[in-house]
């Protein structure tokens, strides 16, 4: 009989799958900071927010829902932030880093 996957392992698997899915989409906005992650084990999902400098909206806090079962990323809305609200966050290592800020070339989605 196979052992059931423990919760920490399942959370790690969900995060790994989410990271693969979001990296290609979010790298255009790098650096990107991950905030407010919520693991939803029963739903095989993660809800999380990221903060980044958007080329059109200035600093943005965007919410996503990642459905691991279907491998689908849902955009759940965004709010703009004052730059002062991001100072502490900018002093921490980002979730997705970039050697040079290049949001001007992002597609803006």
Protein backbone atom coordinates (compact mmCIF):
# COMPACT_ATOMS: atom_id res chain seq x y z
CA UNK A 1 0.00 0.00 0.00
CA UNK A 2 1.42 3.41 -1.00
CA UNK A 3 1.77 6.07 1.63
CA UNK A 4 -0.28 9.23 1.27
CA UNK A 5 1.66 12.37 0.45
CA UNK A 6 2.23 14.36 3.62
CA UNK A 7 0.98 17.93 3.81
CA UNK A 8 4.41 19.62 3.66
CA UNK A 9 5.32 17.54 0.59
CA UNK A 10 1.98 18.31 -1.07
CA UNK A 11 2.42 22.03 -0.37
CA UNK A 12 5.90 21.90 -1.92
CA UNK A 13 4.51 20.13 -5.00
CA UNK A 14 1.77 22.74 -5.37
CA UNK A 15 4.30 25.57 -5.07
CA UNK A 16 6.66 23.95 -7.58
CA UNK A 17 3.86 23.51 -10.13
CA UNK A 18 2.64 27.07 -9.53
CA UNK A 19 6.16 28.46 -9.90
CA UNK A 20 6.61 26.73 -13.27
CA UNK A 21 3.28 28.11 -14.46
CA UNK A 22 3.74 31.71 -13.33
CA UNK A 23 7.41 32.20 -14.12
CA UNK A 24 6.94 32.69 -17.87
CA UNK A 25 4.06 35.10 -17.31
CA UNK A 26 5.56 37.15 -14.48
CA UNK A 27 9.22 37.32 -15.53
CA UNK A 28 8.34 40.22 -17.85
CA UNK A 29 7.63 42.30 -14.71
CA UNK A 30 10.69 41.20 -12.73
CA UNK A 31 11.55 41.90 -10.03
CA UNK A 32 8.34 40.42 -8.62
CA UNK A 33 7.62 39.88 -4.93
CA UNK A 34 5.31 37.12 -3.70
CA UNK A 35 2.99 38.14 -0.85
CA UNK A 36 -0.03 36.65 0.94
CA UNK A 37 0.19 33.06 -0.20
CA UNK A 38 -2.61 30.75 0.94
CA UNK A 39 -2.35 26.99 0.36
CA UNK A 40 -5.71 25.32 -0.28
CA UNK A 41 -4.88 21.62 0.04
CA UNK A 42 -8.44 20.34 -0.31
CA UNK A 43 -8.77 22.17 -3.63
CA UNK A 44 -5.22 21.40 -4.87
CA UNK A 45 -4.78 25.13 -5.28
CA UNK A 46 -2.87 28.20 -4.18
CA UNK A 47 -4.13 31.75 -3.88
CA UNK A 48 -1.43 34.40 -3.78
CA UNK A 49 -0.58 37.98 -4.55
CA UNK A 50 2.44 39.47 -6.24
CA UNK A 51 3.77 43.03 -6.25
CA UNK A 52 5.69 44.52 -9.16
CA UNK A 53 6.22 47.70 -11.15
CA UNK A 54 3.73 47.63 -14.01
CA UNK A 55 4.58 49.66 -17.15
CA UNK A 56 1.10 51.27 -17.30
CA UNK A 57 -0.21 51.22 -13.73
CA UNK A 58 2.93 51.95 -11.70
CA UNK A 59 3.22 49.67 -8.64
CA UNK A 60 0.62 46.92 -8.74
CA UNK A 61 -0.53 44.26 -6.29
CA UNK A 62 -2.12 41.46 -8.31
CA UNK A 63 -4.03 38.44 -7.00
CA UNK A 64 -3.90 35.02 -8.65
CA UNK A 65 -5.50 31.64 -8.08
CA UNK A 66 -3.54 28.61 -9.26
CA UNK A 67 -5.60 25.44 -9.84
CA UNK A 68 -2.98 22.66 -9.74
CA UNK A 69 -5.39 19.90 -10.75
CA UNK A 70 -6.08 21.61 -14.09
CA UNK A 71 -2.75 23.50 -14.22
CA UNK A 72 -4.57 26.79 -14.78
CA UNK A 73 -3.63 30.24 -13.49
CA UNK A 74 -6.50 32.67 -12.90
CA UNK A 75 -6.02 36.42 -12.60
CA UNK A 76 -8.31 37.62 -9.79
CA UNK A 77 -7.77 41.40 -9.93
CA UNK A 78 -5.24 44.05 -9.07
CA UNK A 79 -4.87 47.29 -7.17
CA UNK A 80 -2.28 50.01 -7.57
CA UNK A 81 0.07 50.92 -4.75
CA UNK A 82 1.90 54.09 -3.79
CA UNK A 83 5.64 53.70 -4.16
CA UNK A 84 6.07 54.38 -0.44
CA UNK A 85 4.03 51.24 0.29
CA UNK A 86 6.65 49.15 -1.53
CA UNK A 87 9.84 50.41 0.14
CA UNK A 88 10.04 47.67 2.78
CA UNK A 89 9.17 45.01 0.22
CA UNK A 90 11.88 46.22 -2.16
CA UNK A 91 14.45 45.68 0.60
CA UNK A 92 13.69 41.92 0.58
CA UNK A 93 14.70 39.32 -2.03
CA UNK A 94 12.15 39.03 -4.84
CA UNK A 95 10.27 35.88 -5.87
CA UNK A 96 11.39 36.44 -9.47
CA UNK A 97 14.53 38.50 -9.89
CA UNK A 98 15.94 40.37 -12.87
CA UNK A 99 19.44 41.75 -13.42
CA UNK A 100 17.88 44.89 -14.95
CA UNK A 101 14.40 46.37 -14.56
CA UNK A 102 12.83 45.94 -18.00
CA UNK A 103 9.06 46.36 -17.55
CA UNK A 104 8.98 48.84 -20.44
CA UNK A 105 9.27 45.87 -22.83
CA UNK A 106 6.55 43.81 -21.13
CA UNK A 107 3.34 43.24 -23.03
CA UNK A 108 1.35 44.85 -20.21
CA UNK A 109 -1.07 41.98 -19.54
